[in-house]
Amino acid sequence: MGRWWRYKWITFHPSLTAAAERIFSELLTRCDNYDTIILQWDAVPVLDAGGLNAFLRFTEALTEQQLLVITDIPFQPLKTLARARVKPISGKLNFYASLPEALAALQNN
């Protein structure tokens, strides 16, 4: 019942600013063999324009078979995503309030 998932779960600790381009590039190469990539942003205090741009390019670079899940987004990064009108994309990009909520949702699909 349900689908078997191969997860890549990563907790981000740095601010997603100018260094985000390097972080997302490295992440893209490391997540090549995973269907689902879970990024836990609980320790990301800032998402600036450079970080947002890197994040958007990262989401576009994922294959059609890959799902990106973002959890535990603090207020400032959440506000930046909202201002940029970043929304969930069915089968490609999902947002959850917590990691347990995301894992439960993934197991139910």
C-alpha atoms as a PDB file:
ATOM      1  CA  MET A   1       0.000   0.000   0.000  1.00  0.00           C
ATOM      2  CA  GLY A   2       1.575   3.246  -1.043  1.00  0.00           C
ATOM      3  CA  ARG A   3       4.737   3.883  -2.935  1.00  0.00           C
ATOM      4  CA  TRP A   4       8.277   3.114  -1.802  1.00  0.00           C
ATOM      5  CA  TRP A   5      10.304   6.295  -1.649  1.00  0.00           C
ATOM      6  CA  ARG A   6      13.994   6.927  -1.648  1.00  0.00           C
ATOM      7  CA  TYR A   7      14.517  10.020   0.448  1.00  0.00           C
ATOM      8  CA  LYS A   8      17.342  12.478   0.598  1.00  0.00           C
ATOM      9  CA  TRP A   9      16.757  14.449   3.771  1.00  0.00           C
ATOM     10  CA  ILE A  10      18.906  17.508   4.382  1.00  0.00           C
ATOM     11  CA  THR A  11      18.843  20.045   7.182  1.00  0.00           C
ATOM     12  CA  PHE A  12      20.004  23.477   6.063  1.00  0.00           C
ATOM     13  CA  HIS A  13      22.039  25.494   8.531  1.00  0.00           C
ATOM     14  CA  PRO A  14      23.472  28.397   6.531  1.00  0.00           C
ATOM     15  CA  SER A  15      21.577  31.466   5.467  1.00  0.00           C
ATOM     16  CA  LEU A  16      20.333  31.107   1.922  1.00  0.00           C
ATOM     17  CA  THR A  17      22.079  34.174   0.574  1.00  0.00           C
ATOM     18  CA  ALA A  18      24.788  34.577  -2.061  1.00  0.00           C
ATOM     19  CA  ALA A  19      26.363  31.233  -1.088  1.00  0.00           C
ATOM     20  CA  ALA A  20      23.096  29.509  -1.949  1.00  0.00           C
ATOM     21  CA  GLU A  21      24.107  29.083  -5.589  1.00  0.00           C
ATOM     22  CA  ARG A  22      27.003  26.855  -4.560  1.00  0.00           C
ATOM     23  CA  ILE A  23      24.867  24.998  -2.013  1.00  0.00           C
ATOM     24  CA  PHE A  24      22.087  24.220  -4.481  1.00  0.00           C
ATOM     25  CA  SER A  25      24.564  23.235  -7.221  1.00  0.00           C
ATOM     26  CA  GLU A  26      26.215  20.740  -4.893  1.00  0.00           C
ATOM     27  CA  LEU A  27      22.835  19.513  -3.708  1.00  0.00           C
ATOM     28  CA  LEU A  28      21.717  18.917  -7.289  1.00  0.00           C
ATOM     29  CA  THR A  29      24.677  16.617  -7.945  1.00  0.00           C
ATOM     30  CA  ARG A  30      24.196  14.714  -4.675  1.00  0.00           C
ATOM     31  CA  CYS A  31      20.455  14.156  -5.141  1.00  0.00           C
ATOM     32  CA  ASP A  32      20.608  12.708  -8.621  1.00  0.00           C
ATOM     33  CA  ASN A  33      19.469   9.221  -7.575  1.00  0.00           C
ATOM     34  CA  TYR A  34      16.619  10.234  -5.275  1.00  0.00           C
ATOM     35  CA  ASP A  35      12.912  10.436  -6.106  1.00  0.00           C
ATOM     36  CA  THR A  36      12.138  12.697  -3.153  1.00  0.00           C
ATOM     37  CA  ILE A  37      14.345  15.432  -1.737  1.00  0.00           C
ATOM     38  CA  ILE A  38      13.354  16.834   1.647  1.00  0.00           C
ATOM     39  CA  LEU A  39      14.911  20.113   2.745  1.00  0.00           C
ATOM     40  CA  GLN A  40      14.356  21.055   6.371  1.00  0.00           C
ATOM     41  CA  TRP A  41      14.793  24.824   6.657  1.00  0.00           C
ATOM     42  CA  ASP A  42      14.362  25.224  10.417  1.00  0.00           C
ATOM     43  CA  ALA A  43      17.837  26.761  10.753  1.00  0.00           C
ATOM     44  CA  VAL A  44      17.602  29.113   7.744  1.00  0.00           C
ATOM     45  CA  PRO A  45      17.179  32.623   9.181  1.00  0.00           C
ATOM     46  CA  VAL A  46      17.401  34.553   5.887  1.00  0.00           C
ATOM     47  CA  LEU A  47      16.416  33.948   2.274  1.00  0.00           C
ATOM     48  CA  ASP A  48      17.498  36.901   0.148  1.00  0.00           C
ATOM     49  CA  ALA A  49      17.020  37.569  -3.583  1.00  0.00           C
ATOM     50  CA  GLY A  50      20.154  35.603  -4.499  1.00  0.00           C
ATOM     51  CA  GLY A  51      19.053  32.650  -2.393  1.00  0.00           C
ATOM     52  CA  LEU A  52      15.554  32.793  -3.857  1.00  0.00           C
ATOM     53  CA  ASN A  53      16.947  32.848  -7.384  1.00  0.00           C
ATOM     54  CA  ALA A  54      19.206  29.862  -6.634  1.00  0.00           C
ATOM     55  CA  PHE A  55      16.271  27.987  -5.078  1.00  0.00           C
ATOM     56  CA  LEU A  56      14.048  28.619  -8.111  1.00  0.00           C
ATOM     57  CA  ARG A  57      16.772  27.466 -10.511  1.00  0.00           C
ATOM     58  CA  PHE A  58      17.282  24.367  -8.373  1.00  0.00           C
ATOM     59  CA  THR A  59      13.575  23.483  -8.554  1.00  0.00           C
ATOM     60  CA  GLU A  60      13.614  23.943 -12.331  1.00  0.00           C
ATOM     61  CA  ALA A  61      16.697  21.713 -12.686  1.00  0.00           C
ATOM     62  CA  LEU A  62      15.081  18.723 -10.974  1.00  0.00           C
ATOM     63  CA  THR A  63      13.859  15.919 -13.192  1.00  0.00           C
ATOM     64  CA  GLU A  64      10.157  15.286 -13.733  1.00  0.00           C
ATOM     65  CA  GLN A  65      10.425  12.200 -11.520  1.00  0.00           C
ATOM     66  CA  GLN A  66      11.831  14.135  -8.548  1.00  0.00           C
ATOM     67  CA  LEU A  67       9.730  15.715  -5.829  1.00  0.00           C
ATOM     68  CA  LEU A  68      11.125  18.539  -3.686  1.00  0.00           C
ATOM     69  CA  VAL A  69       9.668  18.920  -0.194  1.00  0.00           C
ATOM     70  CA  ILE A  70      10.455  21.933   2.002  1.00  0.00           C
ATOM     71  CA  THR A  71       9.657  21.778   5.732  1.00  0.00           C
ATOM     72  CA  ASP A  72       9.979  23.922   8.859  1.00  0.00           C
ATOM     73  CA  ILE A  73      10.297  27.285   7.078  1.00  0.00           C
ATOM     74  CA  PRO A  74      10.957  30.228   9.443  1.00  0.00           C
ATOM     75  CA  PHE A  75       9.054  33.496   9.047  1.00  0.00           C
ATOM     76  CA  GLN A  76      11.535  35.530   6.981  1.00  0.00           C
ATOM     77  CA  PRO A  77      12.212  32.867   4.322  1.00  0.00           C
ATOM     78  CA  LEU A  78       8.476  32.119   4.207  1.00  0.00           C
ATOM     79  CA  LYS A  79       7.755  35.806   3.652  1.00  0.00           C
ATOM     80  CA  THR A  80      10.305  35.932   0.818  1.00  0.00           C
ATOM     81  CA  LEU A  81       8.735  32.891  -0.852  1.00  0.00           C
ATOM     82  CA  ALA A  82       5.258  34.416  -0.492  1.00  0.00           C
ATOM     83  CA  ARG A  83       6.334  37.757  -1.966  1.00  0.00           C
ATOM     84  CA  ALA A  84       7.825  35.908  -4.936  1.00  0.00           C
ATOM     85  CA  ARG A  85       4.513  34.039  -5.289  1.00  0.00           C
ATOM     86  CA  VAL A  86       6.208  30.656  -4.972  1.00  0.00           C
ATOM     87  CA  LYS A  87       3.472  28.050  -4.682  1.00  0.00           C
ATOM     88  CA  PRO A  88       3.346  24.264  -4.487  1.00  0.00           C
ATOM     89  CA  ILE A  89       3.577  22.516  -7.843  1.00  0.00           C
ATOM     90  CA  SER A  90       1.724  19.222  -7.993  1.00  0.00           C
ATOM     91  CA  GLY A  91       4.195  16.344  -8.132  1.00  0.00           C
ATOM     92  CA  LYS A  92       7.215  18.686  -8.129  1.00  0.00           C
ATOM     93  CA  LEU A  93       7.262  21.034  -5.094  1.00  0.00           C
ATOM     94  CA  ASN A  94       5.477  20.703  -1.742  1.00  0.00           C
ATOM     95  CA  PHE A  95       5.650  22.654   1.513  1.00  0.00           C
ATOM     96  CA  TYR A  96       4.889  21.287   4.988  1.00  0.00           C
ATOM     97  CA  ALA A  97       4.921  22.847   8.437  1.00  0.00           C
ATOM     98  CA  SER A  98       7.069  20.075   9.901  1.00  0.00           C
ATOM     99  CA  LEU A  99       9.170  17.091   8.911  1.00  0.00           C
ATOM    100  CA  PRO A 100       6.813  14.545  10.557  1.00  0.00           C
ATOM    101  CA  GLU A 101       3.886  16.063   8.634  1.00  0.00           C
ATOM    102  CA  ALA A 102       5.806  15.770   5.358  1.00  0.00           C
ATOM    103  CA  LEU A 103       6.831  12.168   6.018  1.00  0.00           C
ATOM    104  CA  ALA A 104       3.252  11.222   6.908  1.00  0.00           C
ATOM    105  CA  ALA A 105       1.939  12.841   3.721  1.00  0.00           C
ATOM    106  CA  LEU A 106       4.546  11.064   1.597  1.00  0.00           C
ATOM    107  CA  GLN A 107       3.752   7.685   3.135  1.00  0.00           C
ATOM    108  CA  ASN A 108       0.038   8.167   2.436  1.00  0.00           C
ATOM    109  CA  ASN A 109       0.624   8.743  -1.281  1.00  0.00           C
END
